[in-house]
Amino acid sequence: MATLCHFVLAPSRLGHNSSRTLLKPWSTQSFIRVLARASSASLTVTEPDVIRDDGKVTANRNVLACPICYEPFDSVGGTQLSVNTSAQSSFHCCTGRKEYFGNETHLNLTVASGSSAYDESMPASTEIFRTPVVSFLYERGWRQTFSVLGGFPGAQKEFQMMKDYLKPVLGGNIIDASCGSGMFSRLFAKSGLFSRVVALDFSENMLQECFKFIKEEENFPTENLILVRADISRLPFATSSIDAVHAGAALHCWPSPSAAVAEVSRVLRPGGVFVATTYILDGLYSLIPLLGSVRQIIGEVSGSHIFLSEGELKDLCATCGLLDFTVVRNRRFVMISARKPS
């Protein structure tokens, strides 16, 4: 996911007065016009290629774990986990004697799950996606503006691109981290690429939108898909239990990209693959005076992170123990991939 402020500060091309273009605020009318042009793409039905390789399908063992101690749960409600069984699912952590429960739409596996008095808020770059309005708009025009403003190829093309990186782990399980309304989670589930798909987000409203989209689609394959509410920096999965993690347009929204990617590295099994998309302000942007200072101010105010080079992303992955870094670019858009050493 991405916040509007990032792309307001990221025009596709800089004109003659580049610094003025970079910092000029958009009017509400301007954004609505872009949103209207892009929203027509949201009506396109996306049908991924169906790929099934039963020889590579891994056992559907429980990989969920307590987000506090990371020990696997010793009980899982007695039913096969799926979108349809969330409300009946419960989890018990022996270490902390804590219970976790699901509701009609998703499993709540945040650290604060079940607390009666305590609550906490996240930085603005996270909280904005917890609002009902943004959650509703995300797949109904918001996400499509990324193509206009940042060069994102669009869901279908991005899905085709990432499949090349995911070939070594086909048939295993995958987390669609910061899934939003589940645009890619649903594509993964329908494609048959993976034996288990986890649609994961911190926003309750985003997960509810994902659930609605699933229920609205006839004959949607729900048996291998679960919706999980969790913190990206405290993933509720056993160490070395996940084959792949995908994060679409999300890296720059994470309060601490290093903490999040470190968690991704922890849960990936040896040989597991991390694929993510974000945007970079490099090239001519690097000539803008005080761009580094502007980035720091935006980060402090919103909790988001603006990347200024491919090298920064490569170093982030390497620092967290992920190797074989690769990158594909289209204007400001970037798709990266890295692997946990075998």
C-alpha atoms as a PDB file:
ATOM      1  CA  MET A   1       0.000   0.000   0.000  1.00  0.00           C
ATOM      2  CA  ALA A   2       1.106   3.556  -0.438  1.00  0.00           C
ATOM      3  CA  THR A   3       0.073   6.873   0.929  1.00  0.00           C
ATOM      4  CA  LEU A   4      -1.073   9.682  -1.324  1.00  0.00           C
ATOM      5  CA  CYS A   5       1.560  12.040   0.037  1.00  0.00           C
ATOM      6  CA  HIS A   6       4.326   9.848  -1.391  1.00  0.00           C
ATOM      7  CA  PHE A   7       3.089  10.151  -4.925  1.00  0.00           C
ATOM      8  CA  VAL A   8       2.212  13.814  -4.560  1.00  0.00           C
ATOM      9  CA  LEU A   9       5.946  14.190  -4.002  1.00  0.00           C
ATOM     10  CA  ALA A  10       6.750  11.820  -6.857  1.00  0.00           C
ATOM     11  CA  PRO A  11       5.723  13.137 -10.310  1.00  0.00           C
ATOM     12  CA  SER A  12       6.653  10.824 -13.159  1.00  0.00           C
ATOM     13  CA  ARG A  13       8.833  13.436 -14.865  1.00  0.00           C
ATOM     14  CA  LEU A  14      10.373  16.675 -13.646  1.00  0.00           C
ATOM     15  CA  GLY A  15       9.731  19.721 -15.765  1.00  0.00           C
ATOM     16  CA  HIS A  16      11.896  22.816 -16.125  1.00  0.00           C
ATOM     17  CA  ASN A  17      11.038  24.059 -12.634  1.00  0.00           C
ATOM     18  CA  SER A  18      11.631  20.710 -11.023  1.00  0.00           C
ATOM     19  CA  SER A  19      11.832  21.769  -7.388  1.00  0.00           C
ATOM     20  CA  ARG A  20       8.617  23.735  -7.718  1.00  0.00           C
ATOM     21  CA  THR A  21       6.876  20.723  -9.285  1.00  0.00           C
ATOM     22  CA  LEU A  22       8.098  18.472  -6.497  1.00  0.00           C
ATOM     23  CA  LEU A  23       6.756  20.578  -3.680  1.00  0.00           C
ATOM     24  CA  LYS A  24       3.607  22.006  -5.256  1.00  0.00           C
ATOM     25  CA  PRO A  25       0.526  20.668  -3.416  1.00  0.00           C
ATOM     26  CA  TRP A  26      -2.319  19.128  -5.376  1.00  0.00           C
ATOM     27  CA  SER A  27      -5.811  20.500  -5.181  1.00  0.00           C
ATOM     28  CA  THR A  28      -8.642  18.156  -4.273  1.00  0.00           C
ATOM     29  CA  GLN A  29     -10.040  18.615  -7.787  1.00  0.00           C
ATOM     30  CA  SER A  30      -6.740  17.511  -9.361  1.00  0.00           C
ATOM     31  CA  PHE A  31      -6.603  14.317  -7.358  1.00  0.00           C
ATOM     32  CA  ILE A  32     -10.261  13.504  -8.088  1.00  0.00           C
ATOM     33  CA  ARG A  33      -9.606  13.880 -11.842  1.00  0.00           C
ATOM     34  CA  VAL A  34      -6.662  11.448 -11.679  1.00  0.00           C
ATOM     35  CA  LEU A  35      -8.663   9.066  -9.511  1.00  0.00           C
ATOM     36  CA  ALA A  36     -11.543   9.131 -11.982  1.00  0.00           C
ATOM     37  CA  ARG A  37      -9.269   8.354 -14.941  1.00  0.00           C
ATOM     38  CA  ALA A  38      -7.599   5.486 -13.131  1.00  0.00           C
ATOM     39  CA  SER A  39     -10.680   3.993 -11.510  1.00  0.00           C
ATOM     40  CA  SER A  40     -11.915   2.503 -14.770  1.00  0.00           C
ATOM     41  CA  ALA A  41      -9.073   0.002 -14.517  1.00  0.00           C
ATOM     42  CA  SER A  42     -10.549  -1.306 -11.295  1.00  0.00           C
ATOM     43  CA  LEU A  43     -13.470  -2.714 -13.260  1.00  0.00           C
ATOM     44  CA  THR A  44     -11.203  -5.015 -15.293  1.00  0.00           C
ATOM     45  CA  VAL A  45     -11.569  -8.656 -14.336  1.00  0.00           C
ATOM     46  CA  THR A  46      -8.135 -10.114 -13.643  1.00  0.00           C
ATOM     47  CA  GLU A  47      -7.793 -13.822 -14.282  1.00  0.00           C
ATOM     48  CA  PRO A  48      -4.334 -15.280 -13.570  1.00  0.00           C
ATOM     49  CA  ASP A  49      -2.974 -18.325 -15.298  1.00  0.00           C
ATOM     50  CA  VAL A  50      -3.796 -21.450 -13.328  1.00  0.00           C
ATOM     51  CA  ILE A  51      -0.624 -23.311 -12.424  1.00  0.00           C
ATOM     52  CA  ARG A  52      -0.821 -26.481 -10.387  1.00  0.00           C
ATOM     53  CA  ASP A  53       2.110 -28.697  -9.557  1.00  0.00           C
ATOM     54  CA  ASP A  54       0.987 -31.340  -7.100  1.00  0.00           C
ATOM     55  CA  GLY A  55       4.503 -32.701  -6.912  1.00  0.00           C
ATOM     56  CA  LYS A  56       5.678 -29.566  -5.167  1.00  0.00           C
ATOM     57  CA  VAL A  57       2.779 -28.981  -2.802  1.00  0.00           C
ATOM     58  CA  THR A  58       4.016 -29.014   0.777  1.00  0.00           C
ATOM     59  CA  ALA A  59       2.145 -30.394   3.770  1.00  0.00           C
ATOM     60  CA  ASN A  60      -0.547 -28.027   5.049  1.00  0.00           C
ATOM     61  CA  ARG A  61       0.886 -28.029   8.548  1.00  0.00           C
ATOM     62  CA  ASN A  62       0.073 -25.217  10.930  1.00  0.00           C
ATOM     63  CA  VAL A  63       2.713 -22.492  10.660  1.00  0.00           C
ATOM     64  CA  LEU A  64       0.927 -19.939  12.850  1.00  0.00           C
ATOM     65  CA  ALA A  65       2.731 -18.932  16.031  1.00  0.00           C
ATOM     66  CA  CYS A  66       2.346 -16.588  18.970  1.00  0.00           C
ATOM     67  CA  PRO A  67       3.498 -13.068  17.978  1.00  0.00           C
ATOM     68  CA  ILE A  68       4.991 -12.632  21.455  1.00  0.00           C
ATOM     69  CA  CYS A  69       7.139 -15.742  21.910  1.00  0.00           C
ATOM     70  CA  TYR A  70       7.092 -17.100  18.327  1.00  0.00           C
ATOM     71  CA  GLU A  71       6.291 -20.596  19.583  1.00  0.00           C
ATOM     72  CA  PRO A  72       3.854 -22.470  17.303  1.00  0.00           C
ATOM     73  CA  PHE A  73       0.319 -22.725  18.650  1.00  0.00           C
ATOM     74  CA  ASP A  74      -0.453 -26.066  20.254  1.00  0.00           C
ATOM     75  CA  SER A  75      -4.126 -25.994  19.270  1.00  0.00           C
ATOM     76  CA  VAL A  76      -6.024 -24.700  16.277  1.00  0.00           C
ATOM     77  CA  GLY A  77      -9.725 -24.827  17.012  1.00  0.00           C
ATOM     78  CA  GLY A  78     -10.256 -28.306  15.607  1.00  0.00           C
ATOM     79  CA  THR A  79     -11.193 -27.235  12.071  1.00  0.00           C
ATOM     80  CA  GLN A  80      -9.308 -26.784   8.821  1.00  0.00           C
ATOM     81  CA  LEU A  81      -8.195 -23.155   8.665  1.00  0.00           C
ATOM     82  CA  SER A  82      -9.768 -21.175   5.838  1.00  0.00           C
ATOM     83  CA  VAL A  83     -11.686 -17.985   5.157  1.00  0.00           C
ATOM     84  CA  ASN A  84     -14.877 -19.823   6.066  1.00  0.00           C
ATOM     85  CA  THR A  85     -13.701 -21.081   9.472  1.00  0.00           C
ATOM     86  CA  SER A  86     -12.140 -17.947  10.994  1.00  0.00           C
ATOM     87  CA  ALA A  87     -15.035 -17.354  13.378  1.00  0.00           C
ATOM     88  CA  GLN A  88     -14.684 -20.866  14.833  1.00  0.00           C
ATOM     89  CA  SER A  89     -10.883 -20.768  15.149  1.00  0.00           C
ATOM     90  CA  SER A  90      -9.007 -20.330  18.413  1.00  0.00           C
ATOM     91  CA  PHE A  91      -5.338 -20.569  19.298  1.00  0.00           C
ATOM     92  CA  HIS A  92      -3.546 -21.236  22.560  1.00  0.00           C
ATOM     93  CA  CYS A  93       0.009 -20.254  23.447  1.00  0.00           C
ATOM     94  CA  CYS A  94       1.438 -22.531  26.133  1.00  0.00           C
ATOM     95  CA  THR A  95       4.329 -20.204  26.914  1.00  0.00           C
ATOM     96  CA  GLY A  96       2.291 -17.122  27.812  1.00  0.00           C
ATOM     97  CA  ARG A  97      -1.023 -18.858  28.465  1.00  0.00           C
ATOM     98  CA  LYS A  98      -2.645 -16.466  26.014  1.00  0.00           C
ATOM     99  CA  GLU A  99      -5.641 -17.158  23.785  1.00  0.00           C
ATOM    100  CA  TYR A 100      -6.148 -15.773  20.283  1.00  0.00           C
ATOM    101  CA  PHE A 101      -9.438 -15.847  18.405  1.00  0.00           C
ATOM    102  CA  GLY A 102     -10.868 -15.255  14.977  1.00  0.00           C
ATOM    103  CA  ASN A 103     -13.964 -13.323  13.970  1.00  0.00           C
ATOM    104  CA  GLU A 104     -16.221 -13.549  10.934  1.00  0.00           C
ATOM    105  CA  THR A 105     -13.674 -12.030   8.551  1.00  0.00           C
ATOM    106  CA  HIS A 106     -10.172 -12.700   9.914  1.00  0.00           C
ATOM    107  CA  LEU A 107      -7.885 -14.031  12.627  1.00  0.00           C
ATOM    108  CA  ASN A 108      -6.576 -11.395  15.051  1.00  0.00           C
ATOM    109  CA  LEU A 109      -2.963 -12.305  15.798  1.00  0.00           C
ATOM    110  CA  THR A 110      -1.638  -8.935  16.929  1.00  0.00           C
ATOM    111  CA  VAL A 111       0.265  -8.660  20.204  1.00  0.00           C
ATOM    112  CA  ALA A 112      -2.561  -6.617  21.756  1.00  0.00           C
ATOM    113  CA  SER A 113      -5.230  -9.084  20.641  1.00  0.00           C
ATOM    114  CA  GLY A 114      -7.780  -9.696  23.392  1.00  0.00           C
ATOM    115  CA  SER A 115      -6.852  -6.654  25.493  1.00  0.00           C
ATOM    116  CA  SER A 116      -9.857  -4.961  27.092  1.00  0.00           C
ATOM    117  CA  ALA A 117      -8.400  -1.602  28.143  1.00  0.00           C
ATOM    118  CA  TYR A 118      -5.120  -1.149  26.290  1.00  0.00           C
ATOM    119  CA  ASP A 119      -4.969   0.119  22.714  1.00  0.00           C
ATOM    120  CA  GLU A 120      -2.321   1.800  20.616  1.00  0.00           C
ATOM    121  CA  SER A 121      -2.134   3.663  17.332  1.00  0.00           C
ATOM    122  CA  MET A 122       0.425   3.359  14.567  1.00  0.00           C
ATOM    123  CA  PRO A 123       2.124   6.133  12.559  1.00  0.00           C
ATOM    124  CA  ALA A 124       0.009   8.048  10.043  1.00  0.00           C
ATOM    125  CA  SER A 125       1.286   5.978   7.109  1.00  0.00           C
ATOM    126  CA  THR A 126      -0.318   2.937   8.759  1.00  0.00           C
ATOM    127  CA  GLU A 127      -3.362   4.508  10.396  1.00  0.00           C
ATOM    128  CA  ILE A 128      -4.657   6.046   7.168  1.00  0.00           C
ATOM    129  CA  PHE A 129      -5.290   2.559   5.801  1.00  0.00           C
ATOM    130  CA  ARG A 130      -7.310   1.589   8.862  1.00  0.00           C
ATOM    131  CA  THR A 131      -9.996   4.114   7.968  1.00  0.00           C
ATOM    132  CA  PRO A 132     -13.186   2.803   6.295  1.00  0.00           C
ATOM    133  CA  VAL A 133     -13.010   5.391   3.493  1.00  0.00           C
ATOM    134  CA  VAL A 134      -9.478   4.582   2.331  1.00  0.00           C
ATOM    135  CA  SER A 135     -10.083   0.854   2.732  1.00  0.00           C
ATOM    136  CA  PHE A 136     -13.145   1.134   0.498  1.00  0.00           C
ATOM    137  CA  LEU A 137     -11.368   3.274  -2.117  1.00  0.00           C
ATOM    138  CA  TYR A 138      -8.119   1.331  -2.203  1.00  0.00           C
ATOM    139  CA  GLU A 139      -9.126  -1.133  -4.917  1.00  0.00           C
ATOM    140  CA  ARG A 140     -11.757   1.151  -6.409  1.00  0.00           C
ATOM    141  CA  GLY A 141      -9.395   3.762  -7.812  1.00  0.00           C
ATOM    142  CA  TRP A 142      -6.709   4.500  -5.198  1.00  0.00           C
ATOM    143  CA  ARG A 143      -4.340   1.665  -6.192  1.00  0.00           C
ATOM    144  CA  GLN A 144      -4.829   2.410  -9.893  1.00  0.00           C
ATOM    145  CA  THR A 145      -3.416   5.939  -9.490  1.00  0.00           C
ATOM    146  CA  PHE A 146      -0.021   4.359  -8.790  1.00  0.00           C
ATOM    147  CA  SER A 147       0.244   3.597 -12.521  1.00  0.00           C
ATOM    148  CA  VAL A 148      -0.413   7.239 -13.417  1.00  0.00           C
ATOM    149  CA  LEU A 149       1.805   8.775 -10.758  1.00  0.00           C
ATOM    150  CA  GLY A 150       4.573   6.249 -10.225  1.00  0.00           C
ATOM    151  CA  GLY A 151       4.814   3.863 -13.163  1.00  0.00           C
ATOM    152  CA  PHE A 152       3.320   0.804 -11.454  1.00  0.00           C
ATOM    153  CA  PRO A 153       2.438  -1.660 -14.276  1.00  0.00           C
ATOM    154  CA  GLY A 154      -0.885  -2.691 -12.703  1.00  0.00           C
ATOM    155  CA  ALA A 155      -2.020  -5.787 -10.832  1.00  0.00           C
ATOM    156  CA  GLN A 156      -2.084  -8.233 -13.757  1.00  0.00           C
ATOM    157  CA  LYS A 157       1.366  -7.262 -15.069  1.00  0.00           C
ATOM    158  CA  GLU A 158       2.902  -7.157 -11.587  1.00  0.00           C
ATOM    159  CA  PHE A 159       1.471 -10.612 -10.893  1.00  0.00           C
ATOM    160  CA  GLN A 160       3.043 -11.992 -14.074  1.00  0.00           C
ATOM    161  CA  MET A 161       6.393 -10.376 -13.231  1.00  0.00           C
ATOM    162  CA  MET A 162       6.582 -11.783  -9.708  1.00  0.00           C
ATOM    163  CA  LYS A 163       5.793 -15.337 -10.856  1.00  0.00           C
ATOM    164  CA  ASP A 164       9.291 -15.558 -12.370  1.00  0.00           C
ATOM    165  CA  TYR A 165      10.830 -14.891  -8.961  1.00  0.00           C
ATOM    166  CA  LEU A 166       8.487 -17.327  -7.213  1.00  0.00           C
ATOM    167  CA  LYS A 167       9.177 -20.346  -9.450  1.00  0.00           C
ATOM    168  CA  PRO A 168      11.613 -21.992  -6.972  1.00  0.00           C
ATOM    169  CA  VAL A 169       8.934 -22.138  -4.258  1.00  0.00           C
ATOM    170  CA  LEU A 170       5.780 -22.978  -6.205  1.00  0.00           C
ATOM    171  CA  GLY A 171       3.471 -25.287  -4.307  1.00  0.00           C
ATOM    172  CA  GLY A 172       4.528 -24.020  -0.890  1.00  0.00           C
ATOM    173  CA  ASN A 173       2.901 -21.342   1.262  1.00  0.00           C
ATOM    174  CA  ILE A 174       2.973 -17.580   0.803  1.00  0.00           C
ATOM    175  CA  ILE A 175       2.228 -14.505   2.909  1.00  0.00           C
ATOM    176  CA  ASP A 176       0.796 -11.513   1.079  1.00  0.00           C
ATOM    177  CA  ALA A 177       2.074  -8.938   3.573  1.00  0.00           C
ATOM    178  CA  SER A 178       0.272  -5.590   3.870  1.00  0.00           C
ATOM    179  CA  CYS A 179      -2.268  -7.085   1.493  1.00  0.00           C
ATOM    180  CA  GLY A 180      -4.730  -4.200   1.681  1.00  0.00           C
ATOM    181  CA  SER A 181      -8.057  -5.296   0.248  1.00  0.00           C
ATOM    182  CA  GLY A 182      -6.466  -8.507  -0.997  1.00  0.00           C
ATOM    183  CA  MET A 183      -5.921  -7.718  -4.668  1.00  0.00           C
ATOM    184  CA  PHE A 184      -2.903 -10.027  -4.923  1.00  0.00           C
ATOM    185  CA  SER A 185      -4.035 -12.425  -2.193  1.00  0.00           C
ATOM    186  CA  ARG A 186      -7.037 -13.320  -4.313  1.00  0.00           C
ATOM    187  CA  LEU A 187      -4.887 -13.749  -7.407  1.00  0.00           C
ATOM    188  CA  PHE A 188      -2.583 -16.116  -5.510  1.00  0.00           C
ATOM    189  CA  ALA A 189      -5.530 -18.122  -4.216  1.00  0.00           C
ATOM    190  CA  LYS A 190      -7.188 -18.442  -7.631  1.00  0.00           C
ATOM    191  CA  SER A 191      -3.981 -19.308  -9.481  1.00  0.00           C
ATOM    192  CA  GLY A 192      -3.216 -22.501  -7.561  1.00  0.00           C
ATOM    193  CA  LEU A 193       0.428 -21.466  -7.305  1.00  0.00           C
ATOM    194  CA  PHE A 194       0.558 -22.106  -3.565  1.00  0.00           C
ATOM    195  CA  SER A 195      -0.899 -24.637  -1.167  1.00  0.00           C
ATOM    196  CA  ARG A 196      -1.618 -21.943   1.442  1.00  0.00           C
ATOM    197  CA  VAL A 197      -2.147 -18.200   0.990  1.00  0.00           C
ATOM    198  CA  VAL A 198      -2.131 -15.830   3.967  1.00  0.00           C
ATOM    199  CA  ALA A 199      -3.641 -12.394   3.356  1.00  0.00           C
ATOM    200  CA  LEU A 200      -2.041 -10.310   6.110  1.00  0.00           C
ATOM    201  CA  ASP A 201      -2.656  -6.699   7.067  1.00  0.00           C
ATOM    202  CA  PHE A 202      -2.805  -4.528  10.194  1.00  0.00           C
ATOM    203  CA  SER A 203      -5.995  -2.810   9.023  1.00  0.00           C
ATOM    204  CA  GLU A 204      -9.229  -4.450  10.141  1.00  0.00           C
ATOM    205  CA  ASN A 205     -11.169  -2.521   7.498  1.00  0.00           C
ATOM    206  CA  MET A 206      -8.850  -3.638   4.700  1.00  0.00           C
ATOM    207  CA  LEU A 207      -9.339  -7.271   5.709  1.00  0.00           C
ATOM    208  CA  GLN A 208     -13.093  -6.750   5.818  1.00  0.00           C
ATOM    209  CA  GLU A 209     -12.977  -5.369   2.272  1.00  0.00           C
ATOM    210  CA  CYS A 210     -10.939  -8.403   1.211  1.00  0.00           C
ATOM    211  CA  PHE A 211     -13.552 -10.676   2.758  1.00  0.00           C
ATOM    212  CA  LYS A 212     -16.334  -8.854   0.889  1.00  0.00           C
ATOM    213  CA  PHE A 213     -14.552  -9.228  -2.450  1.00  0.00           C
ATOM    214  CA  ILE A 214     -14.112 -12.948  -1.806  1.00  0.00           C
ATOM    215  CA  LYS A 215     -17.768 -13.463  -0.947  1.00  0.00           C
ATOM    216  CA  GLU A 216     -18.921 -11.471  -3.969  1.00  0.00           C
ATOM    217  CA  GLU A 217     -17.004 -13.687  -6.400  1.00  0.00           C
ATOM    218  CA  GLU A 218     -18.771 -16.861  -7.447  1.00  0.00           C
ATOM    219  CA  ASN A 219     -16.915 -20.139  -6.859  1.00  0.00           C
ATOM    220  CA  PHE A 220     -13.945 -18.453  -5.210  1.00  0.00           C
ATOM    221  CA  PRO A 221     -11.500 -21.105  -3.843  1.00  0.00           C
ATOM    222  CA  THR A 222     -11.562 -20.273  -0.124  1.00  0.00           C
ATOM    223  CA  GLU A 223     -10.190 -23.554   1.228  1.00  0.00           C
ATOM    224  CA  ASN A 224      -6.502 -22.555   1.067  1.00  0.00           C
ATOM    225  CA  LEU A 225      -6.812 -18.864   1.974  1.00  0.00           C
ATOM    226  CA  ILE A 226      -6.825 -17.285   5.432  1.00  0.00           C
ATOM    227  CA  LEU A 227      -7.059 -13.623   6.439  1.00  0.00           C
ATOM    228  CA  VAL A 228      -4.818 -12.553   9.321  1.00  0.00           C
ATOM    229  CA  ARG A 229      -4.531  -9.267  11.179  1.00  0.00           C
ATOM    230  CA  ALA A 230      -0.939  -8.823  12.324  1.00  0.00           C
ATOM    231  CA  ASP A 231       1.887  -6.331  12.757  1.00  0.00           C
ATOM    232  CA  ILE A 232       4.513  -6.579  10.000  1.00  0.00           C
ATOM    233  CA  SER A 233       7.250  -6.157  12.610  1.00  0.00           C
ATOM    234  CA  ARG A 234       5.844  -8.991  14.754  1.00  0.00           C
ATOM    235  CA  LEU A 235       4.744 -11.715  12.353  1.00  0.00           C
ATOM    236  CA  PRO A 236       2.709 -14.564  13.929  1.00  0.00           C
ATOM    237  CA  PHE A 237       4.539 -17.385  12.175  1.00  0.00           C
ATOM    238  CA  ALA A 238       7.045 -19.981  13.270  1.00  0.00           C
ATOM    239  CA  THR A 239      10.672 -19.365  12.351  1.00  0.00           C
ATOM    240  CA  SER A 240      11.701 -20.797   8.956  1.00  0.00           C
ATOM    241  CA  SER A 241       8.161 -21.922   8.117  1.00  0.00           C
ATOM    242  CA  ILE A 242       7.208 -19.799   5.088  1.00  0.00           C
ATOM    243  CA  ASP A 243       8.165 -20.387   1.452  1.00  0.00           C
ATOM    244  CA  ALA A 244       7.484 -16.899   0.083  1.00  0.00           C
ATOM    245  CA  VAL A 245       6.520 -13.399   1.207  1.00  0.00           C
ATOM    246  CA  HIS A 246       5.081 -10.784  -1.135  1.00  0.00           C
ATOM    247  CA  ALA A 247       4.638  -7.117  -0.209  1.00  0.00           C
ATOM    248  CA  GLY A 248       2.949  -5.004  -2.875  1.00  0.00           C
ATOM    249  CA  ALA A 249       3.447  -1.231  -2.657  1.00  0.00           C
ATOM    250  CA  ALA A 250       4.117  -1.563   1.054  1.00  0.00           C
ATOM    251  CA  LEU A 251       7.802  -1.159   1.960  1.00  0.00           C
ATOM    252  CA  HIS A 252       7.617   2.631   2.081  1.00  0.00           C
ATOM    253  CA  CYS A 253       4.592   2.543   4.413  1.00  0.00           C
ATOM    254  CA  TRP A 254       6.233   0.381   7.066  1.00  0.00           C
ATOM    255  CA  PRO A 255       7.278   2.363  10.176  1.00  0.00           C
ATOM    256  CA  SER A 256      10.582   0.466  10.238  1.00  0.00           C
ATOM    257  CA  PRO A 257      11.467  -1.276   6.959  1.00  0.00           C
ATOM    258  CA  SER A 258      14.492  -2.912   8.591  1.00  0.00           C
ATOM    259  CA  ALA A 259      12.426  -4.408  11.437  1.00  0.00           C
ATOM    260  CA  ALA A 260       9.842  -5.646   8.938  1.00  0.00           C
ATOM    261  CA  VAL A 261      12.331  -7.184   6.499  1.00  0.00           C
ATOM    262  CA  ALA A 262      14.154  -8.784   9.433  1.00  0.00           C
ATOM    263  CA  GLU A 263      10.857 -10.443  10.380  1.00  0.00           C
ATOM    264  CA  VAL A 264      10.373 -11.563   6.783  1.00  0.00           C
ATOM    265  CA  SER A 265      13.844 -13.097   6.885  1.00  0.00           C
ATOM    266  CA  ARG A 266      13.062 -14.856  10.164  1.00  0.00           C
ATOM    267  CA  VAL A 267       9.885 -16.550   8.949  1.00  0.00           C
ATOM    268  CA  LEU A 268      11.248 -17.542   5.532  1.00  0.00           C
ATOM    269  CA  ARG A 269      12.580 -21.058   5.301  1.00  0.00           C
ATOM    270  CA  PRO A 270      16.090 -21.518   3.807  1.00  0.00           C
ATOM    271  CA  GLY A 271      15.706 -20.859   0.104  1.00  0.00           C
ATOM    272  CA  GLY A 272      12.504 -18.870   0.674  1.00  0.00           C
ATOM    273  CA  VAL A 273      11.799 -15.870  -1.558  1.00  0.00           C
ATOM    274  CA  PHE A 274      10.885 -12.262  -0.746  1.00  0.00           C
ATOM    275  CA  VAL A 275       9.281 -10.178  -3.521  1.00  0.00           C
ATOM    276  CA  ALA A 276       8.245  -6.564  -2.987  1.00  0.00           C
ATOM    277  CA  THR A 277       7.287  -3.453  -4.927  1.00  0.00           C
ATOM    278  CA  THR A 278       7.840   0.161  -3.958  1.00  0.00           C
ATOM    279  CA  TYR A 279       9.050   3.363  -5.608  1.00  0.00           C
ATOM    280  CA  ILE A 280      12.388   5.178  -5.714  1.00  0.00           C
ATOM    281  CA  LEU A 281      13.165   8.890  -6.021  1.00  0.00           C
ATOM    282  CA  ASP A 282      16.501   8.750  -7.825  1.00  0.00           C
ATOM    283  CA  GLY A 283      17.881  10.041 -11.134  1.00  0.00           C
ATOM    284  CA  LEU A 284      16.944  13.684 -11.588  1.00  0.00           C
ATOM    285  CA  TYR A 285      15.349  13.678  -8.155  1.00  0.00           C
ATOM    286  CA  SER A 286      18.819  13.338  -6.631  1.00  0.00           C
ATOM    287  CA  LEU A 287      19.619  16.842  -7.927  1.00  0.00           C
ATOM    288  CA  ILE A 288      16.906  18.404  -5.806  1.00  0.00           C
ATOM    289  CA  PRO A 289      18.436  20.383  -2.936  1.00  0.00           C
ATOM    290  CA  LEU A 290      17.748  19.093   0.555  1.00  0.00           C
ATOM    291  CA  LEU A 291      15.871  16.008  -0.701  1.00  0.00           C
ATOM    292  CA  GLY A 292      17.444  13.952   2.079  1.00  0.00           C
ATOM    293  CA  SER A 293      16.234  16.433   4.677  1.00  0.00           C
ATOM    294  CA  VAL A 294      12.739  16.460   3.168  1.00  0.00           C
ATOM    295  CA  ARG A 295      12.691  12.666   3.335  1.00  0.00           C
ATOM    296  CA  GLN A 296      13.660  12.757   6.994  1.00  0.00           C
ATOM    297  CA  ILE A 297      10.924  15.265   7.832  1.00  0.00           C
ATOM    298  CA  ILE A 298       8.281  13.239   5.984  1.00  0.00           C
ATOM    299  CA  GLY A 299       9.423  10.114   7.808  1.00  0.00           C
ATOM    300  CA  GLU A 300       9.214  11.778  11.202  1.00  0.00           C
ATOM    301  CA  VAL A 301       5.748  13.191  10.516  1.00  0.00           C
ATOM    302  CA  SER A 302       4.111  10.267   8.718  1.00  0.00           C
ATOM    303  CA  GLY A 303       6.180   7.268   9.782  1.00  0.00           C
ATOM    304  CA  SER A 304       6.837   6.379   6.143  1.00  0.00           C
ATOM    305  CA  HIS A 305      10.119   5.924   4.294  1.00  0.00           C
ATOM    306  CA  ILE A 306      11.134   7.274   0.879  1.00  0.00           C
ATOM    307  CA  PHE A 307      13.843   5.263  -0.879  1.00  0.00           C
ATOM    308  CA  LEU A 308      16.423   7.220  -2.868  1.00  0.00           C
ATOM    309  CA  SER A 309      18.365   4.439  -4.610  1.00  0.00           C
ATOM    310  CA  GLU A 310      18.361   0.780  -5.605  1.00  0.00           C
ATOM    311  CA  GLY A 311      21.489   0.378  -3.493  1.00  0.00           C
ATOM    312  CA  GLU A 312      19.527   1.370  -0.400  1.00  0.00           C
ATOM    313  CA  LEU A 313      17.042  -1.460  -1.007  1.00  0.00           C
ATOM    314  CA  LYS A 314      19.822  -3.946  -1.735  1.00  0.00           C
ATOM    315  CA  ASP A 315      21.600  -2.988   1.475  1.00  0.00           C
ATOM    316  CA  LEU A 316      18.338  -3.300   3.428  1.00  0.00           C
ATOM    317  CA  CYS A 317      17.871  -6.879   2.229  1.00  0.00           C
ATOM    318  CA  ALA A 318      21.512  -7.825   2.785  1.00  0.00           C
ATOM    319  CA  THR A 319      21.490  -6.351   6.290  1.00  0.00           C
ATOM    320  CA  CYS A 320      18.531  -8.596   7.115  1.00  0.00           C
ATOM    321  CA  GLY A 321      20.207 -11.724   5.750  1.00  0.00           C
ATOM    322  CA  LEU A 322      18.609 -11.898   2.293  1.00  0.00           C
ATOM    323  CA  LEU A 323      20.833 -12.513  -0.728  1.00  0.00           C
ATOM    324  CA  ASP A 324      20.639 -12.703  -4.553  1.00  0.00           C
ATOM    325  CA  PHE A 325      19.041  -9.268  -4.782  1.00  0.00           C
ATOM    326  CA  THR A 326      17.465  -8.442  -8.147  1.00  0.00           C
ATOM    327  CA  VAL A 327      15.512  -5.425  -9.321  1.00  0.00           C
ATOM    328  CA  VAL A 328      13.193  -4.430 -12.183  1.00  0.00           C
ATOM    329  CA  ARG A 329      12.395  -0.759 -12.859  1.00  0.00           C
ATOM    330  CA  ASN A 330       9.709   1.255 -14.647  1.00  0.00           C
ATOM    331  CA  ARG A 331      10.027   4.980 -13.982  1.00  0.00           C
ATOM    332  CA  ARG A 332       9.668   5.328 -10.205  1.00  0.00           C
ATOM    333  CA  PHE A 333       8.275   1.794  -9.794  1.00  0.00           C
ATOM    334  CA  VAL A 334      10.643  -0.923  -8.617  1.00  0.00           C
ATOM    335  CA  MET A 335      10.128  -4.638  -8.036  1.00  0.00           C
ATOM    336  CA  ILE A 336      12.785  -6.315  -5.916  1.00  0.00           C
ATOM    337  CA  SER A 337      13.460  -9.919  -5.047  1.00  0.00           C
ATOM    338  CA  ALA A 338      15.836 -11.548  -2.583  1.00  0.00           C
ATOM    339  CA  ARG A 339      16.317 -15.021  -1.158  1.00  0.00           C
ATOM    340  CA  LYS A 340      17.094 -16.478   2.248  1.00  0.00           C
ATOM    341  CA  PRO A 341      20.299 -18.534   2.006  1.00  0.00           C
ATOM    342  CA  SER A 342      19.790 -22.287   1.791  1.00  0.00           C
END
